[in-house]
Amino acid sequence: MRAWDRVVKARDKNRPLPLDFIEKLVEDFTELKGDRLYGEDGAVIGGLGFYQGKPVTVIAISRGKDIEENIRRNFGSPNPEGYRKALRLMAQAEKFKRPVILLVDTKGAGCAVEAEERGQGEAIARCLFESAGLKTPMISFITGEGGSGGALALAAGDEVHMLENAIYSILSPEGFSSILYKSPKFAKEASEIMKITAGDLKELGIIEGIISEHGDIQENFDQVLEEIRSTLDRFLDSVKDKSPEELLEKRYDRFRKFGKVRWEADQ
């Protein structure tokens, strides 16, 4: 399947959203709102719940299913208060020794003037900086689009996994096309050279795993959920006996290897 075909699937309006995964995977999910600084951001969903009977913190970036929900969730593009809410919940998870499960479906962070005025860049950078040193396990799943720093802010943990037809990139194919070809109309061609698919990124060592969609994700959602559960079970079992120092050392090594991947790609 070509990269653009996966872009189309990742953007499908009928594709399950992060909240659909939360409802099926997490029991007694209780949403927590606000960043204690400015306000609430509907694009970032965060809270507490139980996975397989164990307490976890869950944070997700999601768009909506209809126009009303999309407006409430800013079409899945978080503002600074959304990232600060995520950071608040990460710190809380560290304090109470809860693993963090992150789900991402976003074209990118909000780019309105108001978001920049409230410190969008700093909020994303702070998420990256703090999560790198968070002394609790973190695992991220890219379920649809994983666009730019907007997605990276919630994908800097111990492992990142992508659904088979998800995409993860530095910017949208349309944005890449506008820079490279001076026009967004070559987005299809741009997507083929951007290395944005799960297969590309797994081969490059950027992600740890790919979740099969078993053909049609809408028809086979239960099978997709089983694969995610299997991944979560394996991950949580692998980190349960690790000390915070061991966890951070492994996370450090994970990100250090990206420099080696880049060097080898340039040779």
C-alpha atoms as a PDB file:
ATOM      1  CA  MET A   1       0.000   0.000   0.000  1.00  0.00           C
ATOM      2  CA  ARG A   2       1.323   3.431  -0.951  1.00  0.00           C
ATOM      3  CA  ALA A   3       1.996   6.090   1.680  1.00  0.00           C
ATOM      4  CA  TRP A   4      -0.816   8.338   0.459  1.00  0.00           C
ATOM      5  CA  ASP A   5      -3.323   5.506   0.843  1.00  0.00           C
ATOM      6  CA  ARG A   6      -2.342   5.281   4.496  1.00  0.00           C
ATOM      7  CA  VAL A   7      -2.681   9.067   4.870  1.00  0.00           C
ATOM      8  CA  VAL A   8      -6.254   8.770   3.597  1.00  0.00           C
ATOM      9  CA  LYS A   9      -6.978   5.927   6.034  1.00  0.00           C
ATOM     10  CA  ALA A  10      -5.421   7.811   8.954  1.00  0.00           C
ATOM     11  CA  ARG A  11      -7.715  10.767   8.216  1.00  0.00           C
ATOM     12  CA  ASP A  12     -10.877   8.709   7.677  1.00  0.00           C
ATOM     13  CA  LYS A  13     -13.717  10.415   9.552  1.00  0.00           C
ATOM     14  CA  ASN A  14     -15.049   6.981  10.609  1.00  0.00           C
ATOM     15  CA  ARG A  15     -11.734   5.837  12.078  1.00  0.00           C
ATOM     16  CA  PRO A  16     -11.873   5.060  15.838  1.00  0.00           C
ATOM     17  CA  LEU A  17     -10.634   7.969  17.937  1.00  0.00           C
ATOM     18  CA  PRO A  18      -8.468   7.815  21.076  1.00  0.00           C
ATOM     19  CA  LEU A  19     -11.537   8.128  23.304  1.00  0.00           C
ATOM     20  CA  ASP A  20     -12.931   4.953  21.676  1.00  0.00           C
ATOM     21  CA  PHE A  21      -9.763   3.122  22.720  1.00  0.00           C
ATOM     22  CA  ILE A  22      -9.940   4.550  26.232  1.00  0.00           C
ATOM     23  CA  GLU A  23     -13.543   3.431  26.664  1.00  0.00           C
ATOM     24  CA  LYS A  24     -12.644  -0.146  25.713  1.00  0.00           C
ATOM     25  CA  LEU A  25      -9.256  -0.457  27.415  1.00  0.00           C
ATOM     26  CA  VAL A  26      -9.585   1.522  30.638  1.00  0.00           C
ATOM     27  CA  GLU A  27     -12.071   0.802  33.391  1.00  0.00           C
ATOM     28  CA  ASP A  28     -13.636   3.540  35.533  1.00  0.00           C
ATOM     29  CA  PHE A  29     -11.956   6.302  33.553  1.00  0.00           C
ATOM     30  CA  THR A  30     -12.322   9.653  35.309  1.00  0.00           C
ATOM     31  CA  GLU A  31     -11.397  12.708  33.267  1.00  0.00           C
ATOM     32  CA  LEU A  32      -9.442  15.522  34.926  1.00  0.00           C
ATOM     33  CA  LYS A  33      -9.568  18.973  33.368  1.00  0.00           C
ATOM     34  CA  GLY A  34      -7.669  22.241  33.366  1.00  0.00           C
ATOM     35  CA  ASP A  35      -4.029  23.283  33.540  1.00  0.00           C
ATOM     36  CA  ARG A  36      -4.376  25.332  36.758  1.00  0.00           C
ATOM     37  CA  LEU A  37      -3.012  28.315  34.882  1.00  0.00           C
ATOM     38  CA  TYR A  38      -5.313  29.381  32.055  1.00  0.00           C
ATOM     39  CA  GLY A  39      -8.142  26.956  31.377  1.00  0.00           C
ATOM     40  CA  GLU A  40      -9.365  23.736  29.852  1.00  0.00           C
ATOM     41  CA  ASP A  41      -8.397  22.411  26.416  1.00  0.00           C
ATOM     42  CA  GLY A  42     -10.783  19.885  24.899  1.00  0.00           C
ATOM     43  CA  ALA A  43      -8.197  18.601  22.404  1.00  0.00           C
ATOM     44  CA  VAL A  44      -6.305  16.888  25.233  1.00  0.00           C
ATOM     45  CA  ILE A  45      -8.208  14.254  27.196  1.00  0.00           C
ATOM     46  CA  GLY A  46      -6.577  13.124  30.416  1.00  0.00           C
ATOM     47  CA  GLY A  47      -7.486  11.308  33.568  1.00  0.00           C
ATOM     48  CA  LEU A  48      -7.259   8.248  35.787  1.00  0.00           C
ATOM     49  CA  GLY A  49      -8.527   4.726  35.424  1.00  0.00           C
ATOM     50  CA  PHE A  50      -7.704   1.065  35.773  1.00  0.00           C
ATOM     51  CA  TYR A  51      -6.074  -1.193  33.221  1.00  0.00           C
ATOM     52  CA  GLN A  52      -6.356  -4.882  34.077  1.00  0.00           C
ATOM     53  CA  GLY A  53      -7.181  -3.828  37.632  1.00  0.00           C
ATOM     54  CA  LYS A  54      -4.104  -1.619  38.027  1.00  0.00           C
ATOM     55  CA  PRO A  55      -4.241   2.208  38.286  1.00  0.00           C
ATOM     56  CA  VAL A  56      -2.957   4.129  35.262  1.00  0.00           C
ATOM     57  CA  THR A  57      -2.887   7.676  33.977  1.00  0.00           C
ATOM     58  CA  VAL A  58      -4.248   8.085  30.460  1.00  0.00           C
ATOM     59  CA  ILE A  59      -3.597  11.109  28.237  1.00  0.00           C
ATOM     60  CA  ALA A  60      -4.814  11.497  24.660  1.00  0.00           C
ATOM     61  CA  ILE A  61      -4.990  14.041  21.866  1.00  0.00           C
ATOM     62  CA  SER A  62      -8.148  13.660  19.824  1.00  0.00           C
ATOM     63  CA  ARG A  63     -10.369  15.348  17.299  1.00  0.00           C
ATOM     64  CA  GLY A  64     -14.151  14.963  17.371  1.00  0.00           C
ATOM     65  CA  LYS A  65     -16.722  12.820  15.597  1.00  0.00           C
ATOM     66  CA  ASP A  66     -18.994  15.646  14.458  1.00  0.00           C
ATOM     67  CA  ILE A  67     -18.748  19.387  13.917  1.00  0.00           C
ATOM     68  CA  GLU A  68     -19.851  20.278  17.456  1.00  0.00           C
ATOM     69  CA  GLU A  69     -17.296  17.985  19.072  1.00  0.00           C
ATOM     70  CA  ASN A  70     -14.598  19.077  16.627  1.00  0.00           C
ATOM     71  CA  ILE A  71     -15.152  22.707  17.625  1.00  0.00           C
ATOM     72  CA  ARG A  72     -14.982  21.741  21.310  1.00  0.00           C
ATOM     73  CA  ARG A  73     -11.764  19.802  20.681  1.00  0.00           C
ATOM     74  CA  ASN A  74     -10.288  22.424  18.345  1.00  0.00           C
ATOM     75  CA  PHE A  75     -10.224  19.760  15.605  1.00  0.00           C
ATOM     76  CA  GLY A  76      -7.630  17.825  17.590  1.00  0.00           C
ATOM     77  CA  SER A  77      -5.056  20.636  17.670  1.00  0.00           C
ATOM     78  CA  PRO A  78      -4.081  21.336  21.294  1.00  0.00           C
ATOM     79  CA  ASN A  79      -3.424  24.776  22.710  1.00  0.00           C
ATOM     80  CA  PRO A  80      -0.724  25.417  25.351  1.00  0.00           C
ATOM     81  CA  GLU A  81      -3.123  24.723  28.215  1.00  0.00           C
ATOM     82  CA  GLY A  82      -3.680  21.223  26.797  1.00  0.00           C
ATOM     83  CA  TYR A  83       0.023  20.409  26.950  1.00  0.00           C
ATOM     84  CA  ARG A  84       0.273  21.943  30.417  1.00  0.00           C
ATOM     85  CA  LYS A  85      -2.644  19.790  31.528  1.00  0.00           C
ATOM     86  CA  ALA A  86      -0.838  16.741  30.140  1.00  0.00           C
ATOM     87  CA  LEU A  87       2.308  17.749  31.997  1.00  0.00           C
ATOM     88  CA  ARG A  88       0.335  18.179  35.230  1.00  0.00           C
ATOM     89  CA  LEU A  89      -1.083  14.666  34.880  1.00  0.00           C
ATOM     90  CA  MET A  90       2.350  13.210  34.079  1.00  0.00           C
ATOM     91  CA  ALA A  91       3.762  14.738  37.263  1.00  0.00           C
ATOM     92  CA  GLN A  92       0.831  13.377  39.234  1.00  0.00           C
ATOM     93  CA  ALA A  93       1.420   9.912  37.757  1.00  0.00           C
ATOM     94  CA  GLU A  94       5.073  10.051  38.804  1.00  0.00           C
ATOM     95  CA  LYS A  95       4.115  11.058  42.351  1.00  0.00           C
ATOM     96  CA  PHE A  96       1.723   8.127  42.740  1.00  0.00           C
ATOM     97  CA  LYS A  97       3.832   5.681  40.689  1.00  0.00           C
ATOM     98  CA  ARG A  98       1.224   5.119  37.983  1.00  0.00           C
ATOM     99  CA  PRO A  99       2.232   4.099  34.430  1.00  0.00           C
ATOM    100  CA  VAL A 100       1.224   6.585  31.721  1.00  0.00           C
ATOM    101  CA  ILE A 101      -0.613   5.471  28.579  1.00  0.00           C
ATOM    102  CA  LEU A 102      -0.702   8.041  25.778  1.00  0.00           C
ATOM    103  CA  LEU A 103      -2.847   7.987  22.633  1.00  0.00           C
ATOM    104  CA  VAL A 104      -2.278  10.438  19.805  1.00  0.00           C
ATOM    105  CA  ASP A 105      -4.388  11.541  16.841  1.00  0.00           C
ATOM    106  CA  THR A 106      -3.579  15.095  15.782  1.00  0.00           C
ATOM    107  CA  LYS A 107      -2.626  17.040  12.675  1.00  0.00           C
ATOM    108  CA  GLY A 108      -0.442  19.179  14.921  1.00  0.00           C
ATOM    109  CA  ALA A 109      -0.559  21.749  17.677  1.00  0.00           C
ATOM    110  CA  GLY A 110      -2.868  24.742  17.441  1.00  0.00           C
ATOM    111  CA  CYS A 111      -1.253  27.541  15.453  1.00  0.00           C
ATOM    112  CA  ALA A 112      -3.571  30.455  16.179  1.00  0.00           C
ATOM    113  CA  VAL A 113      -2.062  33.747  17.315  1.00  0.00           C
ATOM    114  CA  GLU A 114      -3.665  33.255  20.733  1.00  0.00           C
ATOM    115  CA  ALA A 115      -1.870  29.916  21.180  1.00  0.00           C
ATOM    116  CA  GLU A 116       1.469  31.523  20.387  1.00  0.00           C
ATOM    117  CA  GLU A 117       0.718  34.387  22.771  1.00  0.00           C
ATOM    118  CA  ARG A 118       0.101  31.877  25.564  1.00  0.00           C
ATOM    119  CA  GLY A 119       3.414  30.099  24.941  1.00  0.00           C
ATOM    120  CA  GLN A 120       2.726  27.214  22.576  1.00  0.00           C
ATOM    121  CA  GLY A 121       6.379  26.493  21.809  1.00  0.00           C
ATOM    122  CA  GLU A 122       7.389  26.590  25.459  1.00  0.00           C
ATOM    123  CA  ALA A 123       4.514  24.284  26.454  1.00  0.00           C
ATOM    124  CA  ILE A 124       5.529  21.642  23.906  1.00  0.00           C
ATOM    125  CA  ALA A 125       9.213  21.966  24.811  1.00  0.00           C
ATOM    126  CA  ARG A 126       8.396  21.644  28.504  1.00  0.00           C
ATOM    127  CA  CYS A 127       6.395  18.464  27.818  1.00  0.00           C
ATOM    128  CA  LEU A 128       9.369  16.972  25.992  1.00  0.00           C
ATOM    129  CA  PHE A 129      11.859  18.072  28.646  1.00  0.00           C
ATOM    130  CA  GLU A 130       9.862  16.856  31.635  1.00  0.00           C
ATOM    131  CA  SER A 131       8.689  13.581  30.097  1.00  0.00           C
ATOM    132  CA  ALA A 132      12.278  12.669  29.229  1.00  0.00           C
ATOM    133  CA  GLY A 133      13.054  12.576  32.936  1.00  0.00           C
ATOM    134  CA  LEU A 134       9.723  11.278  34.249  1.00  0.00           C
ATOM    135  CA  LYS A 135      10.342   8.498  36.761  1.00  0.00           C
ATOM    136  CA  THR A 136       7.424   6.336  35.737  1.00  0.00           C
ATOM    137  CA  PRO A 137       6.816   4.111  32.669  1.00  0.00           C
ATOM    138  CA  MET A 138       5.330   5.790  29.578  1.00  0.00           C
ATOM    139  CA  ILE A 139       4.032   4.152  26.391  1.00  0.00           C
ATOM    140  CA  SER A 140       2.513   5.958  23.409  1.00  0.00           C
ATOM    141  CA  PHE A 141       0.235   4.804  20.603  1.00  0.00           C
ATOM    142  CA  ILE A 142      -0.224   6.791  17.387  1.00  0.00           C
ATOM    143  CA  THR A 143      -3.775   5.822  16.408  1.00  0.00           C
ATOM    144  CA  GLY A 144      -4.357   8.132  13.417  1.00  0.00           C
ATOM    145  CA  GLU A 145      -2.342  11.191  12.475  1.00  0.00           C
ATOM    146  CA  GLY A 146       0.781  12.018  14.427  1.00  0.00           C
ATOM    147  CA  GLY A 147       1.653  15.477  13.239  1.00  0.00           C
ATOM    148  CA  SER A 148       4.749  17.485  14.124  1.00  0.00           C
ATOM    149  CA  GLY A 149       5.627  18.669  17.633  1.00  0.00           C
ATOM    150  CA  GLY A 150       1.949  18.491  18.464  1.00  0.00           C
ATOM    151  CA  ALA A 151       2.237  14.706  18.471  1.00  0.00           C
ATOM    152  CA  LEU A 152       5.850  14.437  19.614  1.00  0.00           C
ATOM    153  CA  ALA A 153       4.981  16.151  22.904  1.00  0.00           C
ATOM    154  CA  LEU A 154       3.080  13.012  23.923  1.00  0.00           C
ATOM    155  CA  ALA A 155       5.391  10.503  22.254  1.00  0.00           C
ATOM    156  CA  ALA A 156       8.644  10.942  24.128  1.00  0.00           C
ATOM    157  CA  GLY A 157       8.332   8.036  26.514  1.00  0.00           C
ATOM    158  CA  ASP A 158       9.787   4.541  26.745  1.00  0.00           C
ATOM    159  CA  GLU A 159       8.073   3.040  23.699  1.00  0.00           C
ATOM    160  CA  VAL A 160       6.034   4.292  20.745  1.00  0.00           C
ATOM    161  CA  HIS A 161       3.737   2.043  18.726  1.00  0.00           C
ATOM    162  CA  MET A 162       1.694   2.886  15.652  1.00  0.00           C
ATOM    163  CA  LEU A 163      -1.444   1.439  14.202  1.00  0.00           C
ATOM    164  CA  GLU A 164      -0.822  -0.078  10.789  1.00  0.00           C
ATOM    165  CA  ASN A 165      -2.433   2.792   8.864  1.00  0.00           C
ATOM    166  CA  ALA A 166      -1.401   5.626  11.165  1.00  0.00           C
ATOM    167  CA  ILE A 167       1.148   8.230  10.085  1.00  0.00           C
ATOM    168  CA  TYR A 168       3.812  10.070  12.104  1.00  0.00           C
ATOM    169  CA  SER A 169       5.703  12.984  10.603  1.00  0.00           C
ATOM    170  CA  ILE A 170       7.444  16.311  11.118  1.00  0.00           C
ATOM    171  CA  LEU A 171       4.554  18.054   9.323  1.00  0.00           C
ATOM    172  CA  SER A 172       1.672  17.219   7.005  1.00  0.00           C
ATOM    173  CA  PRO A 173       2.299  16.071   3.415  1.00  0.00           C
ATOM    174  CA  GLU A 174       0.585  19.285   2.310  1.00  0.00           C
ATOM    175  CA  GLY A 175       3.000  21.366   4.375  1.00  0.00           C
ATOM    176  CA  PHE A 176       5.985  19.398   3.137  1.00  0.00           C
ATOM    177  CA  SER A 177       4.788  19.845  -0.452  1.00  0.00           C
ATOM    178  CA  SER A 178       4.381  23.591   0.059  1.00  0.00           C
ATOM    179  CA  ILE A 179       8.005  23.846   1.176  1.00  0.00           C
ATOM    180  CA  LEU A 180       9.562  21.444  -1.315  1.00  0.00           C
ATOM    181  CA  TYR A 181       7.414  22.072  -4.392  1.00  0.00           C
ATOM    182  CA  LYS A 182       6.090  25.555  -3.521  1.00  0.00           C
ATOM    183  CA  SER A 183       2.534  24.196  -3.714  1.00  0.00           C
ATOM    184  CA  PRO A 184       0.384  21.914  -1.521  1.00  0.00           C
ATOM    185  CA  LYS A 185      -1.036  20.124  -4.576  1.00  0.00           C
ATOM    186  CA  PHE A 186       1.885  17.669  -4.630  1.00  0.00           C
ATOM    187  CA  ALA A 187       1.045  16.257  -1.194  1.00  0.00           C
ATOM    188  CA  LYS A 188       0.560  12.758  -2.614  1.00  0.00           C
ATOM    189  CA  GLU A 189       4.065  12.751  -4.097  1.00  0.00           C
ATOM    190  CA  ALA A 190       5.522  14.293  -0.930  1.00  0.00           C
ATOM    191  CA  SER A 191       4.022  11.576   1.270  1.00  0.00           C
ATOM    192  CA  GLU A 192       5.955   8.943  -0.664  1.00  0.00           C
ATOM    193  CA  ILE A 193       9.349  10.428   0.245  1.00  0.00           C
ATOM    194  CA  MET A 194       8.627  11.557   3.823  1.00  0.00           C
ATOM    195  CA  LYS A 195       8.955   8.133   5.516  1.00  0.00           C
ATOM    196  CA  ILE A 196       5.754   8.677   7.505  1.00  0.00           C
ATOM    197  CA  THR A 197       4.218   5.207   7.567  1.00  0.00           C
ATOM    198  CA  ALA A 198       4.464   2.708  10.395  1.00  0.00           C
ATOM    199  CA  GLY A 199       6.521   0.373   8.224  1.00  0.00           C
ATOM    200  CA  ASP A 200       9.012   3.104   7.336  1.00  0.00           C
ATOM    201  CA  LEU A 201       9.415   4.240  10.928  1.00  0.00           C
ATOM    202  CA  LYS A 202       9.746   0.714  12.307  1.00  0.00           C
ATOM    203  CA  GLU A 203      12.497   0.025   9.778  1.00  0.00           C
ATOM    204  CA  LEU A 204      14.282   3.218  10.842  1.00  0.00           C
ATOM    205  CA  GLY A 205      14.005   2.278  14.515  1.00  0.00           C
ATOM    206  CA  ILE A 206      11.893   5.318  15.408  1.00  0.00           C
ATOM    207  CA  ILE A 207       9.028   3.230  16.776  1.00  0.00           C
ATOM    208  CA  GLU A 208       8.999  -0.058  18.630  1.00  0.00           C
ATOM    209  CA  GLY A 209       6.026  -1.787  17.066  1.00  0.00           C
ATOM    210  CA  ILE A 210       3.119  -1.839  14.617  1.00  0.00           C
ATOM    211  CA  ILE A 211      -0.442  -2.749  15.601  1.00  0.00           C
ATOM    212  CA  SER A 212      -2.189  -4.625  12.790  1.00  0.00           C
ATOM    213  CA  GLU A 213      -5.587  -3.291  11.745  1.00  0.00           C
ATOM    214  CA  HIS A 214      -6.629  -6.696  10.338  1.00  0.00           C
ATOM    215  CA  GLY A 215      -7.915  -5.181   7.122  1.00  0.00           C
ATOM    216  CA  ASP A 216     -10.704  -2.816   8.154  1.00  0.00           C
ATOM    217  CA  ILE A 217     -10.228  -1.284  11.602  1.00  0.00           C
ATOM    218  CA  GLN A 218     -13.898  -0.438  11.952  1.00  0.00           C
ATOM    219  CA  GLU A 219     -14.965  -4.032  11.311  1.00  0.00           C
ATOM    220  CA  ASN A 220     -12.129  -5.600  13.315  1.00  0.00           C
ATOM    221  CA  PHE A 221     -11.820  -3.145  16.193  1.00  0.00           C
ATOM    222  CA  ASP A 222     -11.940  -5.895  18.827  1.00  0.00           C
ATOM    223  CA  GLN A 223      -8.933  -7.632  17.241  1.00  0.00           C
ATOM    224  CA  VAL A 224      -7.018  -4.331  17.185  1.00  0.00           C
ATOM    225  CA  LEU A 225      -7.821  -3.840  20.858  1.00  0.00           C
ATOM    226  CA  GLU A 226      -6.490  -7.316  21.646  1.00  0.00           C
ATOM    227  CA  GLU A 227      -3.182  -6.461  19.975  1.00  0.00           C
ATOM    228  CA  ILE A 228      -2.954  -3.244  21.979  1.00  0.00           C
ATOM    229  CA  ARG A 229      -3.718  -5.145  25.187  1.00  0.00           C
ATOM    230  CA  SER A 230      -0.993  -7.644  24.352  1.00  0.00           C
ATOM    231  CA  THR A 231       1.471  -4.792  23.762  1.00  0.00           C
ATOM    232  CA  LEU A 232       0.478  -3.090  27.016  1.00  0.00           C
ATOM    233  CA  ASP A 233       0.710  -6.326  28.996  1.00  0.00           C
ATOM    234  CA  ARG A 234       4.175  -7.057  27.638  1.00  0.00           C
ATOM    235  CA  PHE A 235       5.377  -3.488  28.266  1.00  0.00           C
ATOM    236  CA  LEU A 236       4.012  -3.206  31.803  1.00  0.00           C
ATOM    237  CA  ASP A 237       5.459  -6.601  32.699  1.00  0.00           C
ATOM    238  CA  SER A 238       8.878  -5.585  31.333  1.00  0.00           C
ATOM    239  CA  VAL A 239       9.080  -2.420  33.447  1.00  0.00           C
ATOM    240  CA  LYS A 240       7.413  -3.513  36.672  1.00  0.00           C
ATOM    241  CA  ASP A 241      10.684  -4.432  38.402  1.00  0.00           C
ATOM    242  CA  LYS A 242      12.804  -1.607  36.980  1.00  0.00           C
ATOM    243  CA  SER A 243      14.009   1.115  39.301  1.00  0.00           C
ATOM    244  CA  PRO A 244      13.474   4.762  38.233  1.00  0.00           C
ATOM    245  CA  GLU A 245      17.188   4.971  37.455  1.00  0.00           C
ATOM    246  CA  GLU A 246      17.065   1.909  35.191  1.00  0.00           C
ATOM    247  CA  LEU A 247      13.970   3.250  33.466  1.00  0.00           C
ATOM    248  CA  LEU A 248      15.605   6.603  32.748  1.00  0.00           C
ATOM    249  CA  GLU A 249      18.824   5.004  31.521  1.00  0.00           C
ATOM    250  CA  LYS A 250      16.886   2.849  29.044  1.00  0.00           C
ATOM    251  CA  ARG A 251      14.893   5.877  27.879  1.00  0.00           C
ATOM    252  CA  TYR A 252      18.102   7.856  27.438  1.00  0.00           C
ATOM    253  CA  ASP A 253      19.602   5.063  25.336  1.00  0.00           C
ATOM    254  CA  ARG A 254      16.449   4.949  23.209  1.00  0.00           C
ATOM    255  CA  PHE A 255      16.760   8.573  22.191  1.00  0.00           C
ATOM    256  CA  ARG A 256      20.531   8.497  21.808  1.00  0.00           C
ATOM    257  CA  LYS A 257      20.206   5.824  19.130  1.00  0.00           C
ATOM    258  CA  PHE A 258      18.240   8.246  16.917  1.00  0.00           C
ATOM    259  CA  GLY A 259      21.430  10.221  16.349  1.00  0.00           C
ATOM    260  CA  LYS A 260      23.112   7.028  15.130  1.00  0.00           C
ATOM    261  CA  VAL A 261      20.177   6.301  12.803  1.00  0.00           C
ATOM    262  CA  ARG A 262      20.489   9.796  11.352  1.00  0.00           C
ATOM    263  CA  TRP A 263      24.267   9.475  10.930  1.00  0.00           C
ATOM    264  CA  GLU A 264      23.944   6.124   9.162  1.00  0.00           C
ATOM    265  CA  ALA A 265      21.198   7.499   6.887  1.00  0.00           C
ATOM    266  CA  ASP A 266      23.485  10.354   5.864  1.00  0.00           C
ATOM    267  CA  GLN A 267      26.381   8.081   4.869  1.00  0.00           C
END
